[in-house]
Amino acid sequence: GVSTVHFTSCAAMLAWPDGGRRLIGTDGRT
C-alpha cells in the first residue's frame, strides 16, 4: 500500500552525493 515518512517523524535520512535519499521514520518505514 501507500507508505510515507513525515518530516516530523523522520528518525534519519541517508543522503548520497548523487541526490539519492532514504528517509527512515520512527516507525521503521522507509
PDB file of all heavy atoms in Angstrom:
ATOM      1  N   GLY A   1       0.833  -1.195   0.000  1.00  0.00           N
ATOM      2  CA  GLY A   1       0.000   0.000   0.000  1.00  0.00           C
ATOM      3  C   GLY A   1       0.868   1.245   0.000  1.00  0.00           C
ATOM      4  O   GLY A   1       2.062   1.193  -0.284  1.00  0.00           O
ATOM      5  N   VAL A   2       0.258   2.361   0.358  1.00  0.00           N
ATOM      6  CA  VAL A   2       0.972   3.633   0.376  1.00  0.00           C
ATOM      7  C   VAL A   2       1.826   3.707   1.632  1.00  0.00           C
ATOM      8  O   VAL A   2       1.407   3.319   2.717  1.00  0.00           O
ATOM      9  CB  VAL A   2      -0.033   4.804   0.337  1.00  0.00           C
ATOM     10  CG1 VAL A   2       0.684   6.132   0.440  1.00  0.00           C
ATOM     11  CG2 VAL A   2      -0.857   4.744  -0.928  1.00  0.00           C
ATOM     12  N   SER A   3       3.045   4.199   1.462  1.00  0.00           N
ATOM     13  CA  SER A   3       3.960   4.366   2.590  1.00  0.00           C
ATOM     14  C   SER A   3       4.480   5.789   2.574  1.00  0.00           C
ATOM     15  O   SER A   3       4.775   6.338   1.516  1.00  0.00           O
ATOM     16  CB  SER A   3       5.121   3.376   2.495  1.00  0.00           C
ATOM     17  OG  SER A   3       6.009   3.566   3.569  1.00  0.00           O
ATOM     18  N   THR A   4       4.598   6.379   3.737  1.00  0.00           N
ATOM     19  CA  THR A   4       5.111   7.743   3.818  1.00  0.00           C
ATOM     20  C   THR A   4       5.889   7.919   5.108  1.00  0.00           C
ATOM     21  O   THR A   4       5.660   7.212   6.088  1.00  0.00           O
ATOM     22  CB  THR A   4       3.973   8.775   3.722  1.00  0.00           C
ATOM     23  OG1 THR A   4       4.533  10.074   3.635  1.00  0.00           O
ATOM     24  CG2 THR A   4       3.055   8.717   4.918  1.00  0.00           C
ATOM     25  N   VAL A   5       6.800   8.849   5.083  1.00  0.00           N
ATOM     26  CA  VAL A   5       7.542   9.249   6.278  1.00  0.00           C
ATOM     27  C   VAL A   5       7.394  10.759   6.365  1.00  0.00           C
ATOM     28  O   VAL A   5       7.900  11.490   5.509  1.00  0.00           O
ATOM     29  CB  VAL A   5       9.036   8.854   6.194  1.00  0.00           C
ATOM     30  CG1 VAL A   5       9.801   9.407   7.376  1.00  0.00           C
ATOM     31  CG2 VAL A   5       9.200   7.353   6.107  1.00  0.00           C
ATOM     32  N   HIS A   6       6.664  11.221   7.381  1.00  0.00           N
ATOM     33  CA  HIS A   6       6.516  12.658   7.574  1.00  0.00           C
ATOM     34  C   HIS A   6       7.846  13.222   8.045  1.00  0.00           C
ATOM     35  O   HIS A   6       8.589  12.572   8.795  1.00  0.00           O
ATOM     36  CB  HIS A   6       5.421  12.951   8.608  1.00  0.00           C
ATOM     37  CG  HIS A   6       4.055  12.607   8.114  1.00  0.00           C
ATOM     38  ND1 HIS A   6       3.321  13.455   7.319  1.00  0.00           N
ATOM     39  CD2 HIS A   6       3.293  11.503   8.294  1.00  0.00           C
ATOM     40  CE1 HIS A   6       2.169  12.891   7.030  1.00  0.00           C
ATOM     41  NE2 HIS A   6       2.129  11.701   7.604  1.00  0.00           N
ATOM     42  N   PHE A   7       8.142  14.427   7.619  1.00  0.00           N
ATOM     43  CA  PHE A   7       9.408  15.031   8.002  1.00  0.00           C
ATOM     44  C   PHE A   7       9.536  15.125   9.525  1.00  0.00           C
ATOM     45  O   PHE A   7      10.618  14.957  10.065  1.00  0.00           O
ATOM     46  CB  PHE A   7       9.561  16.416   7.377  1.00  0.00           C
ATOM     47  CG  PHE A   7       9.691  16.383   5.876  1.00  0.00           C
ATOM     48  CD1 PHE A   7       8.910  17.188   5.082  1.00  0.00           C
ATOM     49  CD2 PHE A   7      10.603  15.545   5.259  1.00  0.00           C
ATOM     50  CE1 PHE A   7       9.028  17.170   3.709  1.00  0.00           C
ATOM     51  CE2 PHE A   7      10.735  15.508   3.878  1.00  0.00           C
ATOM     52  CZ  PHE A   7       9.940  16.326   3.104  1.00  0.00           C
ATOM     53  N   THR A   8       8.412  15.368  10.209  1.00  0.00           N
ATOM     54  CA  THR A   8       8.460  15.499  11.670  1.00  0.00           C
ATOM     55  C   THR A   8       8.737  14.174  12.359  1.00  0.00           C
ATOM     56  O   THR A   8       9.237  14.156  13.479  1.00  0.00           O
ATOM     57  CB  THR A   8       7.139  16.083  12.200  1.00  0.00           C
ATOM     58  OG1 THR A   8       6.055  15.251  11.750  1.00  0.00           O
ATOM     59  CG2 THR A   8       6.942  17.503  11.705  1.00  0.00           C
ATOM     60  N   SER A   9       8.404  13.060  11.689  1.00  0.00           N
ATOM     61  CA  SER A   9       8.646  11.748  12.294  1.00  0.00           C
ATOM     62  C   SER A   9       9.785  11.009  11.597  1.00  0.00           C
ATOM     63  O   SER A   9       9.865   9.786  11.665  1.00  0.00           O
ATOM     64  CB  SER A   9       7.371  10.907  12.271  1.00  0.00           C
ATOM     65  OG  SER A   9       6.989  10.633  10.946  1.00  0.00           O
ATOM     66  N   CYS A  10      10.678  11.760  10.970  1.00  0.00           N
ATOM     67  CA  CYS A  10      11.828  11.163  10.303  1.00  0.00           C
ATOM     68  C   CYS A  10      12.947  10.999  11.322  1.00  0.00           C
ATOM     69  O   CYS A  10      13.440  11.977  11.886  1.00  0.00           O
ATOM     70  CB  CYS A  10      12.272  12.056   9.148  1.00  0.00           C
ATOM     71  SG  CYS A  10      13.646  11.377   8.215  1.00  0.00           S
ATOM     72  N   ALA A  11      13.339   9.749  11.574  1.00  0.00           N
ATOM     73  CA  ALA A  11      14.415   9.482  12.538  1.00  0.00           C
ATOM     74  C   ALA A  11      15.771   9.772  11.919  1.00  0.00           C
ATOM     75  O   ALA A  11      16.674  10.294  12.592  1.00  0.00           O
ATOM     76  CB  ALA A  11      14.349   8.036  13.008  1.00  0.00           C
ATOM     77  N   ALA A  12      15.944   9.447  10.655  1.00  0.00           N
ATOM     78  CA  ALA A  12      17.218   9.660   9.965  1.00  0.00           C
ATOM     79  C   ALA A  12      16.980   9.696   8.468  1.00  0.00           C
ATOM     80  O   ALA A  12      15.989   9.171   7.958  1.00  0.00           O
ATOM     81  CB  ALA A  12      18.200   8.550  10.303  1.00  0.00           C
ATOM     82  N   MET A  13      17.938  10.330   7.785  1.00  0.00           N
ATOM     83  CA  MET A  13      17.892  10.349   6.331  1.00  0.00           C
ATOM     84  C   MET A  13      19.292  10.045   5.816  1.00  0.00           C
ATOM     85  O   MET A  13      20.259  10.718   6.174  1.00  0.00           O
ATOM     86  CB  MET A  13      17.454  11.718   5.798  1.00  0.00           C
ATOM     87  CG  MET A  13      17.441  11.774   4.271  1.00  0.00           C
ATOM     88  SD  MET A  13      16.884  13.345   3.597  1.00  0.00           S
ATOM     89  CE  MET A  13      18.256  14.401   4.025  1.00  0.00           C
ATOM     90  N   LEU A  14      19.385   8.993   5.001  1.00  0.00           N
ATOM     91  CA  LEU A  14      20.646   8.671   4.350  1.00  0.00           C
ATOM     92  C   LEU A  14      20.727   9.517   3.082  1.00  0.00           C
ATOM     93  O   LEU A  14      19.788   9.548   2.299  1.00  0.00           O
ATOM     94  CB  LEU A  14      20.712   7.189   4.002  1.00  0.00           C
ATOM     95  CG  LEU A  14      20.449   6.201   5.148  1.00  0.00           C
ATOM     96  CD1 LEU A  14      20.520   4.776   4.633  1.00  0.00           C
ATOM     97  CD2 LEU A  14      21.426   6.423   6.272  1.00  0.00           C
ATOM     98  N   ALA A  15      21.844  10.214   2.889  1.00  0.00           N
ATOM     99  CA  ALA A  15      21.981  11.128   1.761  1.00  0.00           C
ATOM    100  C   ALA A  15      23.234  10.782   0.963  1.00  0.00           C
ATOM    101  O   ALA A  15      24.336  10.806   1.500  1.00  0.00           O
ATOM    102  CB  ALA A  15      22.053  12.559   2.251  1.00  0.00           C
ATOM    103  N   TRP A  16      23.034  10.438  -0.326  1.00  0.00           N
ATOM    104  CA  TRP A  16      24.148  10.139  -1.222  1.00  0.00           C
ATOM    105  C   TRP A  16      24.478  11.373  -2.045  1.00  0.00           C
ATOM    106  O   TRP A  16      23.584  12.174  -2.372  1.00  0.00           O
ATOM    107  CB  TRP A  16      23.785   8.976  -2.131  1.00  0.00           C
ATOM    108  CG  TRP A  16      23.780   7.667  -1.415  1.00  0.00           C
ATOM    109  CD1 TRP A  16      24.836   6.829  -1.240  1.00  0.00           C
ATOM    110  CD2 TRP A  16      22.677   7.038  -0.769  1.00  0.00           C
ATOM    111  NE1 TRP A  16      24.450   5.716  -0.524  1.00  0.00           N
ATOM    112  CE2 TRP A  16      23.121   5.826  -0.218  1.00  0.00           C
ATOM    113  CE3 TRP A  16      21.344   7.396  -0.583  1.00  0.00           C
ATOM    114  CZ2 TRP A  16      22.307   4.970   0.483  1.00  0.00           C
ATOM    115  CZ3 TRP A  16      20.522   6.541   0.121  1.00  0.00           C
ATOM    116  CH2 TRP A  16      21.015   5.338   0.645  1.00  0.00           C
ATOM    117  N   PRO A  17      25.729  11.555  -2.415  1.00  0.00           N
ATOM    118  CA  PRO A  17      26.120  12.732  -3.202  1.00  0.00           C
ATOM    119  C   PRO A  17      25.408  12.846  -4.562  1.00  0.00           C
ATOM    120  O   PRO A  17      25.261  13.947  -5.083  1.00  0.00           O
ATOM    121  CB  PRO A  17      27.628  12.542  -3.424  1.00  0.00           C
ATOM    122  CG  PRO A  17      28.067  11.575  -2.391  1.00  0.00           C
ATOM    123  CD  PRO A  17      26.877  10.731  -2.063  1.00  0.00           C
ATOM    124  N   ASP A  18      24.921  11.720  -5.110  1.00  0.00           N
ATOM    125  CA  ASP A  18      24.242  11.768  -6.411  1.00  0.00           C
ATOM    126  C   ASP A  18      22.801  12.244  -6.307  1.00  0.00           C
ATOM    127  O   ASP A  18      22.097  12.331  -7.307  1.00  0.00           O
ATOM    128  CB  ASP A  18      24.301  10.406  -7.095  1.00  0.00           C
ATOM    129  CG  ASP A  18      23.685   9.297  -6.266  1.00  0.00           C
ATOM    130  OD1 ASP A  18      22.562   9.482  -5.752  1.00  0.00           O
ATOM    131  OD2 ASP A  18      24.328   8.245  -6.116  1.00  0.00           O
ATOM    132  N   GLY A  19      22.335  12.560  -5.096  1.00  0.00           N
ATOM    133  CA  GLY A  19      20.981  13.068  -4.898  1.00  0.00           C
ATOM    134  C   GLY A  19      20.018  12.056  -4.327  1.00  0.00           C
ATOM    135  O   GLY A  19      18.894  12.408  -3.961  1.00  0.00           O
ATOM    136  N   GLY A  20      20.414  10.803  -4.230  1.00  0.00           N
ATOM    137  CA  GLY A  20      19.544   9.784  -3.645  1.00  0.00           C
ATOM    138  C   GLY A  20      19.342  10.027  -2.161  1.00  0.00           C
ATOM    139  O   GLY A  20      20.260  10.439  -1.446  1.00  0.00           O
ATOM    140  N   ARG A  21      18.135   9.799  -1.696  1.00  0.00           N
ATOM    141  CA  ARG A  21      17.805   9.971  -0.280  1.00  0.00           C
ATOM    142  C   ARG A  21      16.974   8.787   0.185  1.00  0.00           C
ATOM    143  O   ARG A  21      16.148   8.268  -0.562  1.00  0.00           O
ATOM    144  CB  ARG A  21      16.998  11.255  -0.048  1.00  0.00           C
ATOM    145  CG  ARG A  21      17.682  12.538  -0.496  1.00  0.00           C
ATOM    146  CD  ARG A  21      18.861  12.851   0.408  1.00  0.00           C
ATOM    147  NE  ARG A  21      19.477  14.118   0.090  1.00  0.00           N
ATOM    148  CZ  ARG A  21      20.552  14.260  -0.679  1.00  0.00           C
ATOM    149  NH1 ARG A  21      21.107  13.205  -1.247  1.00  0.00           N
ATOM    150  NH2 ARG A  21      21.069  15.442  -0.888  1.00  0.00           N
ATOM    151  N   ARG A  22      17.186   8.369   1.424  1.00  0.00           N
ATOM    152  CA  ARG A  22      16.337   7.356   2.050  1.00  0.00           C
ATOM    153  C   ARG A  22      15.905   7.906   3.398  1.00  0.00           C
ATOM    154  O   ARG A  22      16.720   8.088   4.288  1.00  0.00           O
ATOM    155  CB  ARG A  22      17.069   6.037   2.235  1.00  0.00           C
ATOM    156  CG  ARG A  22      16.149   4.969   2.871  1.00  0.00           C
ATOM    157  CD  ARG A  22      16.804   3.624   3.028  1.00  0.00           C
ATOM    158  NE  ARG A  22      17.186   3.121   1.720  1.00  0.00           N
ATOM    159  CZ  ARG A  22      18.224   2.318   1.520  1.00  0.00           C
ATOM    160  NH1 ARG A  22      18.972   1.923   2.519  1.00  0.00           N
ATOM    161  NH2 ARG A  22      18.508   1.893   0.298  1.00  0.00           N
ATOM    162  N   LEU A  23      14.620   8.174   3.516  1.00  0.00           N
ATOM    163  CA  LEU A  23      14.069   8.674   4.768  1.00  0.00           C
ATOM    164  C   LEU A  23      13.600   7.500   5.604  1.00  0.00           C
ATOM    165  O   LEU A  23      12.890   6.622   5.102  1.00  0.00           O
ATOM    166  CB  LEU A  23      12.905   9.626   4.507  1.00  0.00           C
ATOM    167  CG  LEU A  23      13.284  11.002   3.953  1.00  0.00           C
ATOM    168  CD1 LEU A  23      13.557  10.943   2.479  1.00  0.00           C
ATOM    169  CD2 LEU A  23      12.212  12.003   4.255  1.00  0.00           C
ATOM    170  N   ILE A  24      13.997   7.466   6.856  1.00  0.00           N
ATOM    171  CA  ILE A  24      13.637   6.384   7.767  1.00  0.00           C
ATOM    172  C   ILE A  24      12.795   6.977   8.880  1.00  0.00           C
ATOM    173  O   ILE A  24      13.249   7.872   9.602  1.00  0.00           O
ATOM    174  CB  ILE A  24      14.901   5.702   8.347  1.00  0.00           C
ATOM    175  CG1 ILE A  24      15.796   5.216   7.196  1.00  0.00           C
ATOM    176  CG2 ILE A  24      14.508   4.557   9.271  1.00  0.00           C
ATOM    177  CD1 ILE A  24      17.181   4.796   7.633  1.00  0.00           C
ATOM    178  N   GLY A  25      11.568   6.486   9.007  1.00  0.00           N
ATOM    179  CA  GLY A  25      10.654   7.005  10.014  1.00  0.00           C
ATOM    180  C   GLY A  25      10.878   6.366  11.371  1.00  0.00           C
ATOM    181  O   GLY A  25      11.532   5.328  11.493  1.00  0.00           O
ATOM    182  N   THR A  26      10.329   6.984  12.382  1.00  0.00           N
ATOM    183  CA  THR A  26      10.453   6.444  13.740  1.00  0.00           C
ATOM    184  C   THR A  26       9.708   5.120  13.887  1.00  0.00           C
ATOM    185  O   THR A  26       9.998   4.354  14.806  1.00  0.00           O
ATOM    186  CB  THR A  26       9.903   7.459  14.764  1.00  0.00           C
ATOM    187  OG1 THR A  26       8.553   7.804  14.403  1.00  0.00           O
ATOM    188  CG2 THR A  26      10.757   8.709  14.812  1.00  0.00           C
ATOM    189  N   ASP A  27       8.774   4.833  12.962  1.00  0.00           N
ATOM    190  CA  ASP A  27       8.049   3.561  12.991  1.00  0.00           C
ATOM    191  C   ASP A  27       8.732   2.488  12.154  1.00  0.00           C
ATOM    192  O   ASP A  27       8.228   1.386  12.003  1.00  0.00           O
ATOM    193  CB  ASP A  27       6.611   3.753  12.529  1.00  0.00           C
ATOM    194  CG  ASP A  27       6.514   4.293  11.102  1.00  0.00           C
ATOM    195  OD1 ASP A  27       7.574   4.608  10.508  1.00  0.00           O
ATOM    196  OD2 ASP A  27       5.391   4.409  10.599  1.00  0.00           O
ATOM    197  N   GLY A  28       9.898   2.808  11.554  1.00  0.00           N
ATOM    198  CA  GLY A  28      10.647   1.840  10.767  1.00  0.00           C
ATOM    199  C   GLY A  28      10.334   1.869   9.279  1.00  0.00           C
ATOM    200  O   GLY A  28      10.998   1.197   8.498  1.00  0.00           O
ATOM    201  N   ARG A  29       9.348   2.641   8.879  1.00  0.00           N
ATOM    202  CA  ARG A  29       9.046   2.744   7.453  1.00  0.00           C
ATOM    203  C   ARG A  29      10.141   3.533   6.759  1.00  0.00           C
ATOM    204  O   ARG A  29      10.731   4.434   7.338  1.00  0.00           O
ATOM    205  CB  ARG A  29       7.711   3.438   7.224  1.00  0.00           C
ATOM    206  CG  ARG A  29       6.535   2.606   7.639  1.00  0.00           C
ATOM    207  CD  ARG A  29       5.261   3.285   7.172  1.00  0.00           C
ATOM    208  NE  ARG A  29       4.105   2.559   7.603  1.00  0.00           N
ATOM    209  CZ  ARG A  29       3.477   1.666   6.858  1.00  0.00           C
ATOM    210  NH1 ARG A  29       3.902   1.397   5.658  1.00  0.00           N
ATOM    211  NH2 ARG A  29       2.424   1.040   7.316  1.00  0.00           N
ATOM    212  N   THR A  30      10.378   3.189   5.501  1.00  0.00           N
ATOM    213  CA  THR A  30      11.370   3.917   4.729  1.00  0.00           C
ATOM    214  C   THR A  30      10.764   4.374   3.407  1.00  0.00           C
ATOM    215  O   THR A  30       9.864   3.724   2.862  1.00  0.00           O
ATOM    216  CB  THR A  30      12.610   3.053   4.413  1.00  0.00           C
ATOM    217  OG1 THR A  30      12.228   1.955   3.609  1.00  0.00           O
ATOM    218  CG2 THR A  30      13.282   2.568   5.683  1.00  0.00           C
TER     219      THR A  30
END
